[in-house]
Amino acid sequence: MATIEECLGALDRLAENLAEASDGVRRAAALDRSLSCHVKDLDVTFTGHLREGHLKEVRTLPGAPEQRAEIALEMAGDDLVALVDGRLDFARAWASGRVRLKASLRDVLRLRSIL
């Protein structure tokens, strides 16, 4: 089971990947959306804001998110780390229910190119 620190590290790597992405991926990541990631096995939620290809204002909160973010993810900590490291395919994990995503269809299509 991944720790809170490993999950935060994965989110940091995601932010770095967005900042260093090619122009096409960076345009896909050029969303201006609130984001939450509830890590079920740790019962913690990471919240932040995806803006200009960067993940900003990341906070760690206990339990499930109180407010629904525009992009809301839910998964196990190990899956978050594997997803960011490229060892877990986003589409397959989403289709199998390992990753739950609540977002507009347009945001889902953009997220596929980021993750």
C-alpha atoms as a PDB file:
ATOM      1  CA  MET A   1       0.000   0.000   0.000  1.00  0.00           C
ATOM      2  CA  ALA A   2       1.384   3.398  -1.015  1.00  0.00           C
ATOM      3  CA  THR A   3       1.938   5.989   1.692  1.00  0.00           C
ATOM      4  CA  ILE A   4       0.703   9.573   1.720  1.00  0.00           C
ATOM      5  CA  GLU A   5       4.242  10.705   0.921  1.00  0.00           C
ATOM      6  CA  GLU A   6       4.419   8.367  -2.108  1.00  0.00           C
ATOM      7  CA  CYS A   7       1.065   9.672  -3.344  1.00  0.00           C
ATOM      8  CA  LEU A   8       2.231  13.280  -2.934  1.00  0.00           C
ATOM      9  CA  GLY A   9       5.393  12.350  -4.809  1.00  0.00           C
ATOM     10  CA  ALA A  10       3.267  10.918  -7.624  1.00  0.00           C
ATOM     11  CA  LEU A  11       1.275  14.159  -7.800  1.00  0.00           C
ATOM     12  CA  ASP A  12       4.535  16.127  -7.904  1.00  0.00           C
ATOM     13  CA  ARG A  13       5.739  13.946 -10.796  1.00  0.00           C
ATOM     14  CA  LEU A  14       2.412  14.498 -12.562  1.00  0.00           C
ATOM     15  CA  ALA A  15       2.893  18.265 -12.213  1.00  0.00           C
ATOM     16  CA  GLU A  16       6.470  17.957 -13.539  1.00  0.00           C
ATOM     17  CA  ASN A  17       5.260  15.841 -16.466  1.00  0.00           C
ATOM     18  CA  LEU A  18       2.671  18.483 -17.321  1.00  0.00           C
ATOM     19  CA  ALA A  19       5.241  21.278 -17.152  1.00  0.00           C
ATOM     20  CA  GLU A  20       7.692  19.391 -19.399  1.00  0.00           C
ATOM     21  CA  ALA A  21       5.104  18.005 -21.824  1.00  0.00           C
ATOM     22  CA  SER A  22       5.192  18.539 -25.565  1.00  0.00           C
ATOM     23  CA  ASP A  23       3.030  21.301 -27.008  1.00  0.00           C
ATOM     24  CA  GLY A  24       0.168  18.934 -27.915  1.00  0.00           C
ATOM     25  CA  VAL A  25      -0.039  17.412 -24.446  1.00  0.00           C
ATOM     26  CA  ARG A  26       0.442  20.802 -22.803  1.00  0.00           C
ATOM     27  CA  ARG A  27      -2.516  22.167 -24.794  1.00  0.00           C
ATOM     28  CA  ALA A  28      -4.585  19.218 -23.590  1.00  0.00           C
ATOM     29  CA  ALA A  29      -3.494  19.991 -20.048  1.00  0.00           C
ATOM     30  CA  ALA A  30      -4.285  23.686 -20.430  1.00  0.00           C
ATOM     31  CA  LEU A  31      -7.431  23.194 -18.455  1.00  0.00           C
ATOM     32  CA  ASP A  32      -8.458  25.550 -15.704  1.00  0.00           C
ATOM     33  CA  ARG A  33     -10.209  23.123 -13.387  1.00  0.00           C
ATOM     34  CA  SER A  34     -10.397  22.186  -9.744  1.00  0.00           C
ATOM     35  CA  LEU A  35      -9.113  18.669  -9.149  1.00  0.00           C
ATOM     36  CA  SER A  36      -9.482  16.174  -6.326  1.00  0.00           C
ATOM     37  CA  CYS A  37      -8.041  12.709  -5.919  1.00  0.00           C
ATOM     38  CA  HIS A  38      -9.507  10.596  -3.140  1.00  0.00           C
ATOM     39  CA  VAL A  39      -7.145   7.781  -2.192  1.00  0.00           C
ATOM     40  CA  LYS A  40      -9.516   5.163  -0.820  1.00  0.00           C
ATOM     41  CA  ASP A  41      -7.098   2.929   1.074  1.00  0.00           C
ATOM     42  CA  LEU A  42      -5.550   5.897   2.907  1.00  0.00           C
ATOM     43  CA  ASP A  43      -8.895   7.715   3.298  1.00  0.00           C
ATOM     44  CA  VAL A  44      -7.277  10.987   2.277  1.00  0.00           C
ATOM     45  CA  THR A  45      -8.069  13.453  -0.491  1.00  0.00           C
ATOM     46  CA  PHE A  46      -5.589  15.568  -2.395  1.00  0.00           C
ATOM     47  CA  THR A  47      -7.081  18.740  -3.835  1.00  0.00           C
ATOM     48  CA  GLY A  48      -5.574  21.277  -6.150  1.00  0.00           C
ATOM     49  CA  HIS A  49      -6.065  23.293  -9.272  1.00  0.00           C
ATOM     50  CA  LEU A  50      -4.991  22.295 -12.771  1.00  0.00           C
ATOM     51  CA  ARG A  51      -4.042  25.545 -14.472  1.00  0.00           C
ATOM     52  CA  GLU A  52      -1.803  26.380 -17.452  1.00  0.00           C
ATOM     53  CA  GLY A  53      -0.399  22.861 -17.556  1.00  0.00           C
ATOM     54  CA  HIS A  54       0.539  22.871 -13.868  1.00  0.00           C
ATOM     55  CA  LEU A  55      -0.997  21.340 -10.774  1.00  0.00           C
ATOM     56  CA  LYS A  56      -1.145  24.133  -8.196  1.00  0.00           C
ATOM     57  CA  GLU A  57      -2.259  24.674  -4.625  1.00  0.00           C
ATOM     58  CA  VAL A  58      -2.133  20.977  -3.675  1.00  0.00           C
ATOM     59  CA  ARG A  59      -3.551  20.258  -0.225  1.00  0.00           C
ATOM     60  CA  THR A  60      -4.041  17.039   1.716  1.00  0.00           C
ATOM     61  CA  LEU A  61      -7.355  16.600   3.520  1.00  0.00           C
ATOM     62  CA  PRO A  62      -8.603  13.702   5.646  1.00  0.00           C
ATOM     63  CA  GLY A  63     -11.492  11.601   4.338  1.00  0.00           C
ATOM     64  CA  ALA A  64     -13.603  11.969   1.235  1.00  0.00           C
ATOM     65  CA  PRO A  65     -13.831  15.375  -0.453  1.00  0.00           C
ATOM     66  CA  GLU A  66     -16.432  17.708   1.006  1.00  0.00           C
ATOM     67  CA  GLN A  67     -17.012  19.471  -2.312  1.00  0.00           C
ATOM     68  CA  ARG A  68     -17.023  17.916  -5.729  1.00  0.00           C
ATOM     69  CA  ALA A  69     -14.172  19.180  -7.872  1.00  0.00           C
ATOM     70  CA  GLU A  70     -14.627  19.734 -11.593  1.00  0.00           C
ATOM     71  CA  ILE A  71     -12.337  16.744 -12.095  1.00  0.00           C
ATOM     72  CA  ALA A  72     -12.732  14.157  -9.340  1.00  0.00           C
ATOM     73  CA  LEU A  73     -10.632  10.996  -9.230  1.00  0.00           C
ATOM     74  CA  GLU A  74     -10.864   8.094  -6.804  1.00  0.00           C
ATOM     75  CA  MET A  75      -8.463   5.173  -6.598  1.00  0.00           C
ATOM     76  CA  ALA A  76      -6.084   3.234  -4.370  1.00  0.00           C
ATOM     77  CA  GLY A  77      -2.715   4.773  -3.554  1.00  0.00           C
ATOM     78  CA  ASP A  78      -0.784   2.076  -5.417  1.00  0.00           C
ATOM     79  CA  ASP A  79      -2.884   2.772  -8.519  1.00  0.00           C
ATOM     80  CA  LEU A  80      -2.161   6.516  -8.323  1.00  0.00           C
ATOM     81  CA  VAL A  81       1.576   5.856  -8.191  1.00  0.00           C
ATOM     82  CA  ALA A  82       1.405   3.264 -10.997  1.00  0.00           C
ATOM     83  CA  LEU A  83      -0.736   5.555 -13.160  1.00  0.00           C
ATOM     84  CA  VAL A  84       1.675   8.477 -12.912  1.00  0.00           C
ATOM     85  CA  ASP A  85       4.708   6.206 -13.393  1.00  0.00           C
ATOM     86  CA  GLY A  86       3.167   4.783 -16.580  1.00  0.00           C
ATOM     87  CA  ARG A  87       2.775   1.239 -15.238  1.00  0.00           C
ATOM     88  CA  LEU A  88      -1.038   1.419 -15.239  1.00  0.00           C
ATOM     89  CA  ASP A  89      -3.029   2.294 -18.347  1.00  0.00           C
ATOM     90  CA  PHE A  90      -5.615   4.965 -17.523  1.00  0.00           C
ATOM     91  CA  ALA A  91      -8.277   3.737 -19.966  1.00  0.00           C
ATOM     92  CA  ARG A  92      -8.072   0.128 -18.773  1.00  0.00           C
ATOM     93  CA  ALA A  93      -8.046   1.120 -15.102  1.00  0.00           C
ATOM     94  CA  TRP A  94     -11.058   3.370 -15.646  1.00  0.00           C
ATOM     95  CA  ALA A  95     -12.946   0.719 -17.623  1.00  0.00           C
ATOM     96  CA  SER A  96     -12.289  -1.918 -14.950  1.00  0.00           C
ATOM     97  CA  GLY A  97     -13.345   0.377 -12.086  1.00  0.00           C
ATOM     98  CA  ARG A  98      -9.913   0.635 -10.475  1.00  0.00           C
ATOM     99  CA  VAL A  99      -9.996   4.353 -11.198  1.00  0.00           C
ATOM    100  CA  ARG A 100     -13.207   6.322 -10.842  1.00  0.00           C
ATOM    101  CA  LEU A 101     -13.484   9.634 -12.643  1.00  0.00           C
ATOM    102  CA  LYS A 102     -16.188  12.260 -12.514  1.00  0.00           C
ATOM    103  CA  ALA A 103     -15.688  15.010 -15.078  1.00  0.00           C
ATOM    104  CA  SER A 104     -17.209  16.411 -18.224  1.00  0.00           C
ATOM    105  CA  LEU A 105     -16.751  14.317 -21.375  1.00  0.00           C
ATOM    106  CA  ARG A 106     -14.461  16.971 -22.817  1.00  0.00           C
ATOM    107  CA  ASP A 107     -12.248  16.866 -19.709  1.00  0.00           C
ATOM    108  CA  VAL A 108     -12.169  13.052 -19.799  1.00  0.00           C
ATOM    109  CA  LEU A 109     -10.892  13.122 -23.374  1.00  0.00           C
ATOM    110  CA  ARG A 110      -8.226  15.668 -22.463  1.00  0.00           C
ATOM    111  CA  LEU A 111      -7.158  13.710 -19.379  1.00  0.00           C
ATOM    112  CA  ARG A 112      -6.567  10.598 -21.471  1.00  0.00           C
ATOM    113  CA  SER A 113      -3.720  12.370 -23.266  1.00  0.00           C
ATOM    114  CA  ILE A 114      -2.219  13.562 -19.968  1.00  0.00           C
ATOM    115  CA  LEU A 115      -2.408  10.272 -18.099  1.00  0.00           C
END
